[in-house]
Amino acid sequence: MHNLHSDTESGRGDIKLEDFSADEIAAGMLEMDAALPDIIRPALSSIAVLIDKTAVLLANGGRLFYLGAGTSGRLGILDASECPPTFGVPHGLVVGMIAGGDSAIRRAVEFAEDDVHQGFRDLMEHEVSSKDLVLGISASGRTPYVLGALQACKAAGITTACICCNIDTIIGREADFPVEVQTGAEFVTGSTRLKAGTATKMILNMISTGTMIRLGKVQGTRMVDMQLSNHKLVDRGTRMLHELTGLNTEAARALLLEFGNVRAALAAWKAQN
């Protein structure tokens, strides 16, 4: 197996990926990603502090904004879009924003990330305020769209955070709650949709899930507030109610459909028993 690891991109110049077999490509990418838990572990205390701060702000009427360009923006939008169906929170509680607007989700908008003023303008369209938290996502730690937004937020008294895949970045220095991890060289040099993207997704999972747990949106390990948006989730909710109440499947499903989610159905059952 080729030596894939390096602290710098320039140290991998002798590797020729075009000579790899398909097996070597898959194994090499897995090998590089396997290092991520150890890379992220030193940042866990920073992530935990951010979870608690986010939960406090959201509990007091605030919102969580994710702001990024390219892959970073798309990952924030993905995480935000999954919060309502998973945890039953309203759309708009967690908002994902990308440089270039919604069209940039599917197709790159040239130079959109280079506008240092547009990030805050985009936030102002949502009437961002001091009750909210704005989390900038930037693999490099220097994306102008994100940097300018965090600087403007700081001047306006809005709490800021960031996820960066470098250490001691200019964006990290601007953020109130920075989360920085050193993901290092990519399998394909400079392609931060790979290891940096995976690290970012892992950290976003921790932040949003941890926040929702702190807000009481999970009981035990169960998504009791999830939306019943398809047959699979109705079946899952039915099984939850069956396990929690001992009702047979038919009765559990009827109760679930009557009250709309597991939490409400369970509360109604407890009130009657």
C-alpha atoms as a PDB file:
ATOM      1  CA  MET A   1       0.000   0.000   0.000  1.00  0.00           C
ATOM      2  CA  HIS A   2       1.236   3.473  -0.845  1.00  0.00           C
ATOM      3  CA  ASN A   3       2.060   5.952   1.929  1.00  0.00           C
ATOM      4  CA  LEU A   4      -0.905   8.319   1.787  1.00  0.00           C
ATOM      5  CA  HIS A   5      -0.402  10.368   4.923  1.00  0.00           C
ATOM      6  CA  SER A   6       1.350  13.683   5.085  1.00  0.00           C
ATOM      7  CA  ASP A   7       1.089  16.835   7.145  1.00  0.00           C
ATOM      8  CA  THR A   8       1.275  18.934   3.989  1.00  0.00           C
ATOM      9  CA  GLU A   9      -0.054  18.533   0.494  1.00  0.00           C
ATOM     10  CA  SER A  10       3.385  19.031  -1.027  1.00  0.00           C
ATOM     11  CA  GLY A  11       4.672  15.936   0.771  1.00  0.00           C
ATOM     12  CA  ARG A  12       2.534  13.634  -1.390  1.00  0.00           C
ATOM     13  CA  GLY A  13       3.936  14.595  -4.777  1.00  0.00           C
ATOM     14  CA  ASP A  14       5.367  11.135  -5.435  1.00  0.00           C
ATOM     15  CA  ILE A  15       1.924   9.462  -5.293  1.00  0.00           C
ATOM     16  CA  LYS A  16       0.222   8.735  -8.621  1.00  0.00           C
ATOM     17  CA  LEU A  17      -3.423   7.935  -7.978  1.00  0.00           C
ATOM     18  CA  GLU A  18      -3.931   7.080 -11.651  1.00  0.00           C
ATOM     19  CA  ASP A  19      -1.757   3.999 -11.049  1.00  0.00           C
ATOM     20  CA  PHE A  20      -3.938   2.769  -8.154  1.00  0.00           C
ATOM     21  CA  SER A  21      -6.261  -0.167  -8.595  1.00  0.00           C
ATOM     22  CA  ALA A  22      -9.895   0.280  -7.613  1.00  0.00           C
ATOM     23  CA  ASP A  23      -9.189  -1.753  -4.463  1.00  0.00           C
ATOM     24  CA  GLU A  24      -6.303   0.563  -3.560  1.00  0.00           C
ATOM     25  CA  ILE A  25      -8.412   3.673  -4.151  1.00  0.00           C
ATOM     26  CA  ALA A  26     -11.201   2.461  -1.871  1.00  0.00           C
ATOM     27  CA  ALA A  27      -8.800   1.175   0.794  1.00  0.00           C
ATOM     28  CA  GLY A  28      -6.689   4.332   0.653  1.00  0.00           C
ATOM     29  CA  MET A  29      -9.672   6.617   1.146  1.00  0.00           C
ATOM     30  CA  LEU A  30     -10.906   4.500   4.029  1.00  0.00           C
ATOM     31  CA  GLU A  31      -7.459   4.570   5.625  1.00  0.00           C
ATOM     32  CA  MET A  32      -7.363   8.361   5.543  1.00  0.00           C
ATOM     33  CA  ASP A  33     -10.886   8.771   6.915  1.00  0.00           C
ATOM     34  CA  ALA A  34     -10.185   6.249   9.678  1.00  0.00           C
ATOM     35  CA  ALA A  35      -7.945   8.846  11.318  1.00  0.00           C
ATOM     36  CA  LEU A  36     -10.802  11.321  11.790  1.00  0.00           C
ATOM     37  CA  PRO A  37     -11.996  10.275  15.276  1.00  0.00           C
ATOM     38  CA  ASP A  38      -8.524  10.925  16.677  1.00  0.00           C
ATOM     39  CA  ILE A  39      -8.307  14.179  14.727  1.00  0.00           C
ATOM     40  CA  ILE A  40     -11.655  15.421  16.090  1.00  0.00           C
ATOM     41  CA  ARG A  41     -11.199  14.170  19.674  1.00  0.00           C
ATOM     42  CA  PRO A  42      -9.089  17.165  20.858  1.00  0.00           C
ATOM     43  CA  ALA A  43     -11.968  19.464  19.835  1.00  0.00           C
ATOM     44  CA  LEU A  44     -14.656  17.623  21.815  1.00  0.00           C
ATOM     45  CA  SER A  45     -14.599  20.070  24.726  1.00  0.00           C
ATOM     46  CA  SER A  46     -15.094  22.990  22.309  1.00  0.00           C
ATOM     47  CA  ILE A  47     -17.963  21.108  20.637  1.00  0.00           C
ATOM     48  CA  ALA A  48     -19.578  20.435  24.017  1.00  0.00           C
ATOM     49  CA  VAL A  49     -19.417  24.109  25.015  1.00  0.00           C
ATOM     50  CA  LEU A  50     -20.976  25.052  21.678  1.00  0.00           C
ATOM     51  CA  ILE A  51     -23.785  22.505  22.123  1.00  0.00           C
ATOM     52  CA  ASP A  52     -24.707  23.992  25.486  1.00  0.00           C
ATOM     53  CA  LYS A  53     -24.554  27.582  24.207  1.00  0.00           C
ATOM     54  CA  THR A  54     -26.684  26.728  21.167  1.00  0.00           C
ATOM     55  CA  ALA A  55     -29.284  24.968  23.313  1.00  0.00           C
ATOM     56  CA  VAL A  56     -29.569  27.965  25.634  1.00  0.00           C
ATOM     57  CA  LEU A  57     -30.061  30.390  22.758  1.00  0.00           C
ATOM     58  CA  LEU A  58     -32.621  28.204  20.983  1.00  0.00           C
ATOM     59  CA  ALA A  59     -34.507  27.612  24.228  1.00  0.00           C
ATOM     60  CA  ASN A  60     -34.831  31.375  24.555  1.00  0.00           C
ATOM     61  CA  GLY A  61     -36.277  32.019  21.110  1.00  0.00           C
ATOM     62  CA  GLY A  62     -33.101  32.116  19.061  1.00  0.00           C
ATOM     63  CA  ARG A  63     -32.172  30.329  15.861  1.00  0.00           C
ATOM     64  CA  LEU A  64     -29.090  28.502  14.590  1.00  0.00           C
ATOM     65  CA  PHE A  65     -27.687  29.657  11.241  1.00  0.00           C
ATOM     66  CA  TYR A  66     -25.151  27.646   9.264  1.00  0.00           C
ATOM     67  CA  LEU A  67     -23.207  29.704   6.741  1.00  0.00           C
ATOM     68  CA  GLY A  68     -20.725  28.379   4.193  1.00  0.00           C
ATOM     69  CA  ALA A  69     -19.578  28.188   0.586  1.00  0.00           C
ATOM     70  CA  GLY A  70     -19.405  25.159  -1.693  1.00  0.00           C
ATOM     71  CA  THR A  71     -19.262  21.834   0.125  1.00  0.00           C
ATOM     72  CA  SER A  72     -19.276  23.572   3.503  1.00  0.00           C
ATOM     73  CA  GLY A  73     -22.494  25.395   2.673  1.00  0.00           C
ATOM     74  CA  ARG A  74     -24.136  22.256   1.318  1.00  0.00           C
ATOM     75  CA  LEU A  75     -23.268  20.298   4.457  1.00  0.00           C
ATOM     76  CA  GLY A  76     -24.842  22.993   6.619  1.00  0.00           C
ATOM     77  CA  ILE A  77     -27.996  22.966   4.486  1.00  0.00           C
ATOM     78  CA  LEU A  78     -28.152  19.166   4.725  1.00  0.00           C
ATOM     79  CA  ASP A  79     -27.902  19.223   8.513  1.00  0.00           C
ATOM     80  CA  ALA A  80     -30.438  22.038   8.863  1.00  0.00           C
ATOM     81  CA  SER A  81     -32.942  20.363   6.544  1.00  0.00           C
ATOM     82  CA  GLU A  82     -32.901  17.171   8.588  1.00  0.00           C
ATOM     83  CA  CYS A  83     -33.718  18.808  11.929  1.00  0.00           C
ATOM     84  CA  PRO A  84     -37.505  19.295  11.376  1.00  0.00           C
ATOM     85  CA  PRO A  85     -38.311  15.713  10.296  1.00  0.00           C
ATOM     86  CA  THR A  86     -35.941  14.135  12.828  1.00  0.00           C
ATOM     87  CA  PHE A  87     -36.732  16.241  15.884  1.00  0.00           C
ATOM     88  CA  GLY A  88     -40.090  17.826  15.061  1.00  0.00           C
ATOM     89  CA  VAL A  89     -38.775  21.396  15.300  1.00  0.00           C
ATOM     90  CA  PRO A  90     -40.210  24.096  13.032  1.00  0.00           C
ATOM     91  CA  HIS A  91     -38.588  24.965   9.741  1.00  0.00           C
ATOM     92  CA  GLY A  92     -36.548  28.078  10.340  1.00  0.00           C
ATOM     93  CA  LEU A  93     -35.185  27.075  13.738  1.00  0.00           C
ATOM     94  CA  VAL A  94     -32.023  25.769  12.071  1.00  0.00           C
ATOM     95  CA  VAL A  95     -31.207  27.534   8.801  1.00  0.00           C
ATOM     96  CA  GLY A  96     -28.561  26.544   6.255  1.00  0.00           C
ATOM     97  CA  MET A  97     -27.181  29.219   3.921  1.00  0.00           C
ATOM     98  CA  ILE A  98     -24.744  28.971   1.021  1.00  0.00           C
ATOM     99  CA  ALA A  99     -22.741  31.538  -0.897  1.00  0.00           C
ATOM    100  CA  GLY A 100     -24.515  32.123  -4.189  1.00  0.00           C
ATOM    101  CA  GLY A 101     -27.977  31.301  -2.863  1.00  0.00           C
ATOM    102  CA  ASP A 102     -30.096  28.216  -3.369  1.00  0.00           C
ATOM    103  CA  SER A 103     -28.942  27.714  -6.961  1.00  0.00           C
ATOM    104  CA  ALA A 104     -25.447  27.039  -5.580  1.00  0.00           C
ATOM    105  CA  ILE A 105     -26.721  23.933  -3.802  1.00  0.00           C
ATOM    106  CA  ARG A 106     -26.661  22.042  -7.110  1.00  0.00           C
ATOM    107  CA  ARG A 107     -24.305  24.106  -9.245  1.00  0.00           C
ATOM    108  CA  ALA A 108     -21.277  26.127  -8.198  1.00  0.00           C
ATOM    109  CA  VAL A 109     -21.671  29.901  -8.482  1.00  0.00           C
ATOM    110  CA  GLU A 110     -18.345  31.366  -9.542  1.00  0.00           C
ATOM    111  CA  PHE A 111     -16.653  33.730  -7.096  1.00  0.00           C
ATOM    112  CA  ALA A 112     -19.671  33.792  -4.748  1.00  0.00           C
ATOM    113  CA  GLU A 113     -17.492  32.846  -1.794  1.00  0.00           C
ATOM    114  CA  ASP A 114     -15.172  35.808  -2.412  1.00  0.00           C
ATOM    115  CA  ASP A 115     -17.721  38.513  -1.494  1.00  0.00           C
ATOM    116  CA  VAL A 116     -16.861  39.534   2.053  1.00  0.00           C
ATOM    117  CA  HIS A 117     -20.122  41.466   2.511  1.00  0.00           C
ATOM    118  CA  GLN A 118     -22.697  39.053   1.047  1.00  0.00           C
ATOM    119  CA  GLY A 119     -22.788  36.640   3.991  1.00  0.00           C
ATOM    120  CA  PHE A 120     -24.144  39.233   6.393  1.00  0.00           C
ATOM    121  CA  ARG A 121     -26.516  40.589   3.746  1.00  0.00           C
ATOM    122  CA  ASP A 122     -27.911  37.072   3.383  1.00  0.00           C
ATOM    123  CA  LEU A 123     -28.324  36.806   7.144  1.00  0.00           C
ATOM    124  CA  MET A 124     -30.122  40.153   7.306  1.00  0.00           C
ATOM    125  CA  GLU A 125     -32.736  38.807   4.895  1.00  0.00           C
ATOM    126  CA  HIS A 126     -33.651  36.477   7.796  1.00  0.00           C
ATOM    127  CA  GLU A 127     -33.566  39.380  10.281  1.00  0.00           C
ATOM    128  CA  VAL A 128     -30.727  37.806  12.244  1.00  0.00           C
ATOM    129  CA  SER A 129     -30.493  39.202  15.770  1.00  0.00           C
ATOM    130  CA  SER A 130     -28.621  38.934  19.040  1.00  0.00           C
ATOM    131  CA  LYS A 131     -30.919  36.061  20.065  1.00  0.00           C
ATOM    132  CA  ASP A 132     -29.420  33.878  17.317  1.00  0.00           C
ATOM    133  CA  LEU A 133     -26.187  31.952  16.812  1.00  0.00           C
ATOM    134  CA  VAL A 134     -24.359  32.110  13.480  1.00  0.00           C
ATOM    135  CA  LEU A 135     -22.019  29.208  12.759  1.00  0.00           C
ATOM    136  CA  GLY A 136     -19.613  29.694   9.854  1.00  0.00           C
ATOM    137  CA  ILE A 137     -18.323  26.587   8.095  1.00  0.00           C
ATOM    138  CA  SER A 138     -15.027  26.835   6.214  1.00  0.00           C
ATOM    139  CA  ALA A 139     -12.586  24.009   5.565  1.00  0.00           C
ATOM    140  CA  SER A 140      -9.757  26.469   4.901  1.00  0.00           C
ATOM    141  CA  GLY A 141     -10.671  28.804   7.742  1.00  0.00           C
ATOM    142  CA  ARG A 142     -10.410  31.879   5.523  1.00  0.00           C
ATOM    143  CA  THR A 143     -13.469  31.934   3.192  1.00  0.00           C
ATOM    144  CA  PRO A 144     -14.337  35.648   2.705  1.00  0.00           C
ATOM    145  CA  TYR A 145     -18.117  35.017   2.584  1.00  0.00           C
ATOM    146  CA  VAL A 146     -17.940  33.397   6.034  1.00  0.00           C
ATOM    147  CA  LEU A 147     -15.287  35.663   7.513  1.00  0.00           C
ATOM    148  CA  GLY A 148     -17.111  38.864   6.641  1.00  0.00           C
ATOM    149  CA  ALA A 149     -20.373  37.517   8.035  1.00  0.00           C
ATOM    150  CA  LEU A 150     -18.807  36.590  11.375  1.00  0.00           C
ATOM    151  CA  GLN A 151     -17.062  39.947  11.645  1.00  0.00           C
ATOM    152  CA  ALA A 152     -20.310  41.798  10.983  1.00  0.00           C
ATOM    153  CA  CYS A 153     -22.162  39.577  13.453  1.00  0.00           C
ATOM    154  CA  LYS A 154     -19.602  40.315  16.133  1.00  0.00           C
ATOM    155  CA  ALA A 155     -20.017  44.042  15.549  1.00  0.00           C
ATOM    156  CA  ALA A 156     -23.800  43.609  15.870  1.00  0.00           C
ATOM    157  CA  GLY A 157     -23.573  41.642  19.121  1.00  0.00           C
ATOM    158  CA  ILE A 158     -24.586  38.327  17.564  1.00  0.00           C
ATOM    159  CA  THR A 159     -23.022  35.136  18.943  1.00  0.00           C
ATOM    160  CA  THR A 160     -20.750  33.370  16.464  1.00  0.00           C
ATOM    161  CA  ALA A 161     -19.137  29.969  16.071  1.00  0.00           C
ATOM    162  CA  CYS A 162     -17.247  28.150  13.353  1.00  0.00           C
ATOM    163  CA  ILE A 163     -16.123  24.778  12.083  1.00  0.00           C
ATOM    164  CA  CYS A 164     -12.752  24.889  10.331  1.00  0.00           C
ATOM    165  CA  CYS A 165     -10.479  22.084   9.164  1.00  0.00           C
ATOM    166  CA  ASN A 166      -7.281  23.954   9.954  1.00  0.00           C
ATOM    167  CA  ILE A 167      -5.857  25.184  13.244  1.00  0.00           C
ATOM    168  CA  ASP A 168      -5.424  28.837  14.295  1.00  0.00           C
ATOM    169  CA  THR A 169      -7.405  30.232  11.382  1.00  0.00           C
ATOM    170  CA  ILE A 170      -8.514  33.804  10.829  1.00  0.00           C
ATOM    171  CA  ILE A 171     -12.145  32.684  11.024  1.00  0.00           C
ATOM    172  CA  GLY A 172     -11.439  30.752  14.222  1.00  0.00           C
ATOM    173  CA  ARG A 173      -9.965  33.874  15.777  1.00  0.00           C
ATOM    174  CA  GLU A 174     -13.097  35.855  14.915  1.00  0.00           C
ATOM    175  CA  ALA A 175     -15.594  33.299  16.267  1.00  0.00           C
ATOM    176  CA  ASP A 176     -16.834  33.316  19.858  1.00  0.00           C
ATOM    177  CA  PHE A 177     -16.995  29.513  19.852  1.00  0.00           C
ATOM    178  CA  PRO A 178     -14.448  28.110  17.404  1.00  0.00           C
ATOM    179  CA  VAL A 179     -14.205  24.424  16.558  1.00  0.00           C
ATOM    180  CA  GLU A 180     -10.988  23.790  14.662  1.00  0.00           C
ATOM    181  CA  VAL A 181      -9.575  20.419  13.620  1.00  0.00           C
ATOM    182  CA  GLN A 182      -6.467  19.693  11.563  1.00  0.00           C
ATOM    183  CA  THR A 183      -7.666  17.242   8.926  1.00  0.00           C
ATOM    184  CA  GLY A 184      -4.466  17.453   6.871  1.00  0.00           C
ATOM    185  CA  ALA A 185      -3.802  16.364   3.296  1.00  0.00           C
ATOM    186  CA  GLU A 186      -6.661  15.045   1.193  1.00  0.00           C
ATOM    187  CA  PHE A 187      -6.661  11.842  -0.872  1.00  0.00           C
ATOM    188  CA  VAL A 188      -7.052  14.083  -3.925  1.00  0.00           C
ATOM    189  CA  THR A 189      -4.978  17.166  -3.170  1.00  0.00           C
ATOM    190  CA  GLY A 190      -7.135  20.134  -2.201  1.00  0.00           C
ATOM    191  CA  SER A 191     -10.451  18.277  -2.526  1.00  0.00           C
ATOM    192  CA  THR A 192     -11.887  19.255   0.837  1.00  0.00           C
ATOM    193  CA  ARG A 193     -15.220  17.604   0.026  1.00  0.00           C
ATOM    194  CA  LEU A 194     -13.421  14.397   1.094  1.00  0.00           C
ATOM    195  CA  LYS A 195     -11.771  14.105   4.524  1.00  0.00           C
ATOM    196  CA  ALA A 196     -12.505  17.693   5.568  1.00  0.00           C
ATOM    197  CA  GLY A 197     -16.100  17.282   4.408  1.00  0.00           C
ATOM    198  CA  THR A 198     -16.496  14.062   6.381  1.00  0.00           C
ATOM    199  CA  ALA A 199     -15.025  15.698   9.502  1.00  0.00           C
ATOM    200  CA  THR A 200     -17.379  18.658   9.081  1.00  0.00           C
ATOM    201  CA  LYS A 201     -20.390  16.366   8.757  1.00  0.00           C
ATOM    202  CA  MET A 202     -19.366  14.476  11.899  1.00  0.00           C
ATOM    203  CA  ILE A 203     -19.071  17.703  13.883  1.00  0.00           C
ATOM    204  CA  LEU A 204     -22.379  19.044  12.552  1.00  0.00           C
ATOM    205  CA  ASN A 205     -24.020  15.770  13.616  1.00  0.00           C
ATOM    206  CA  MET A 206     -22.696  16.308  17.136  1.00  0.00           C
ATOM    207  CA  ILE A 207     -23.789  19.940  17.337  1.00  0.00           C
ATOM    208  CA  SER A 208     -27.334  19.561  16.018  1.00  0.00           C
ATOM    209  CA  THR A 209     -28.059  16.237  17.696  1.00  0.00           C
ATOM    210  CA  GLY A 210     -26.507  17.338  20.978  1.00  0.00           C
ATOM    211  CA  THR A 211     -28.484  20.564  20.907  1.00  0.00           C
ATOM    212  CA  MET A 212     -31.758  18.750  20.254  1.00  0.00           C
ATOM    213  CA  ILE A 213     -31.074  16.292  23.056  1.00  0.00           C
ATOM    214  CA  ARG A 214     -30.408  19.207  25.412  1.00  0.00           C
ATOM    215  CA  LEU A 215     -33.698  20.754  24.273  1.00  0.00           C
ATOM    216  CA  GLY A 216     -35.566  17.576  25.237  1.00  0.00           C
ATOM    217  CA  LYS A 217     -36.307  16.399  21.707  1.00  0.00           C
ATOM    218  CA  VAL A 218     -35.122  12.852  22.487  1.00  0.00           C
ATOM    219  CA  GLN A 219     -36.400  10.475  25.191  1.00  0.00           C
ATOM    220  CA  GLY A 220     -34.016   7.668  25.973  1.00  0.00           C
ATOM    221  CA  THR A 221     -32.593   7.128  22.521  1.00  0.00           C
ATOM    222  CA  ARG A 222     -35.899   7.649  20.738  1.00  0.00           C
ATOM    223  CA  MET A 223     -36.877  10.418  18.305  1.00  0.00           C
ATOM    224  CA  VAL A 224     -40.210  11.011  19.995  1.00  0.00           C
ATOM    225  CA  ASP A 225     -40.918  14.274  18.140  1.00  0.00           C
ATOM    226  CA  MET A 226     -40.107  13.044  14.625  1.00  0.00           C
ATOM    227  CA  GLN A 227     -42.544  13.958  11.866  1.00  0.00           C
ATOM    228  CA  LEU A 228     -44.646  11.141  10.414  1.00  0.00           C
ATOM    229  CA  SER A 229     -43.716  12.062   6.864  1.00  0.00           C
ATOM    230  CA  ASN A 230     -43.690   8.576   5.307  1.00  0.00           C
ATOM    231  CA  HIS A 231     -44.801   5.006   5.962  1.00  0.00           C
ATOM    232  CA  LYS A 232     -41.387   4.019   7.308  1.00  0.00           C
ATOM    233  CA  LEU A 233     -41.576   6.667  10.033  1.00  0.00           C
ATOM    234  CA  VAL A 234     -45.156   5.734  10.894  1.00  0.00           C
ATOM    235  CA  ASP A 235     -43.971   2.151  11.332  1.00  0.00           C
ATOM    236  CA  ARG A 236     -41.035   3.321  13.457  1.00  0.00           C
ATOM    237  CA  GLY A 237     -43.298   5.418  15.660  1.00  0.00           C
ATOM    238  CA  THR A 238     -45.690   2.504  16.001  1.00  0.00           C
ATOM    239  CA  ARG A 239     -42.882   0.258  17.207  1.00  0.00           C
ATOM    240  CA  MET A 240     -41.790   2.909  19.710  1.00  0.00           C
ATOM    241  CA  LEU A 241     -45.276   3.154  21.163  1.00  0.00           C
ATOM    242  CA  HIS A 242     -45.610  -0.627  21.274  1.00  0.00           C
ATOM    243  CA  GLU A 243     -42.329  -0.875  23.204  1.00  0.00           C
ATOM    244  CA  LEU A 244     -43.202   1.973  25.571  1.00  0.00           C
ATOM    245  CA  THR A 245     -46.834   1.075  26.272  1.00  0.00           C
ATOM    246  CA  GLY A 246     -47.279  -2.617  25.533  1.00  0.00           C
ATOM    247  CA  LEU A 247     -50.154  -1.817  23.176  1.00  0.00           C
ATOM    248  CA  ASN A 248     -50.563  -4.152  20.236  1.00  0.00           C
ATOM    249  CA  THR A 249     -49.437  -2.889  16.846  1.00  0.00           C
ATOM    250  CA  GLU A 250     -52.886  -1.916  15.625  1.00  0.00           C
ATOM    251  CA  ALA A 251     -53.734   0.055  18.759  1.00  0.00           C
ATOM    252  CA  ALA A 252     -50.316   1.718  18.849  1.00  0.00           C
ATOM    253  CA  ARG A 253     -50.622   2.820  15.230  1.00  0.00           C
ATOM    254  CA  ALA A 254     -54.125   4.215  15.798  1.00  0.00           C
ATOM    255  CA  LEU A 255     -52.956   6.175  18.831  1.00  0.00           C
ATOM    256  CA  LEU A 256     -49.937   7.510  16.952  1.00  0.00           C
ATOM    257  CA  LEU A 257     -51.988   8.676  13.987  1.00  0.00           C
ATOM    258  CA  GLU A 258     -54.549  10.295  16.259  1.00  0.00           C
ATOM    259  CA  PHE A 259     -51.994  12.441  18.103  1.00  0.00           C
ATOM    260  CA  GLY A 260     -49.414  12.996  15.360  1.00  0.00           C
ATOM    261  CA  ASN A 261     -46.190  12.019  17.084  1.00  0.00           C
ATOM    262  CA  VAL A 262     -44.823   9.610  19.651  1.00  0.00           C
ATOM    263  CA  ARG A 263     -44.505  12.157  22.456  1.00  0.00           C
ATOM    264  CA  ALA A 264     -48.120  13.333  22.256  1.00  0.00           C
ATOM    265  CA  ALA A 265     -49.456   9.801  21.840  1.00  0.00           C
ATOM    266  CA  LEU A 266     -47.449   8.563  24.800  1.00  0.00           C
ATOM    267  CA  ALA A 267     -48.633  11.464  26.990  1.00  0.00           C
ATOM    268  CA  ALA A 268     -52.261  10.711  26.066  1.00  0.00           C
ATOM    269  CA  TRP A 269     -51.811   7.028  26.870  1.00  0.00           C
ATOM    270  CA  LYS A 270     -50.242   7.825  30.244  1.00  0.00           C
ATOM    271  CA  ALA A 271     -53.096  10.200  31.073  1.00  0.00           C
ATOM    272  CA  GLN A 272     -55.617   7.408  30.417  1.00  0.00           C
ATOM    273  CA  ASN A 273     -53.765   4.731  32.338  1.00  0.00           C
END
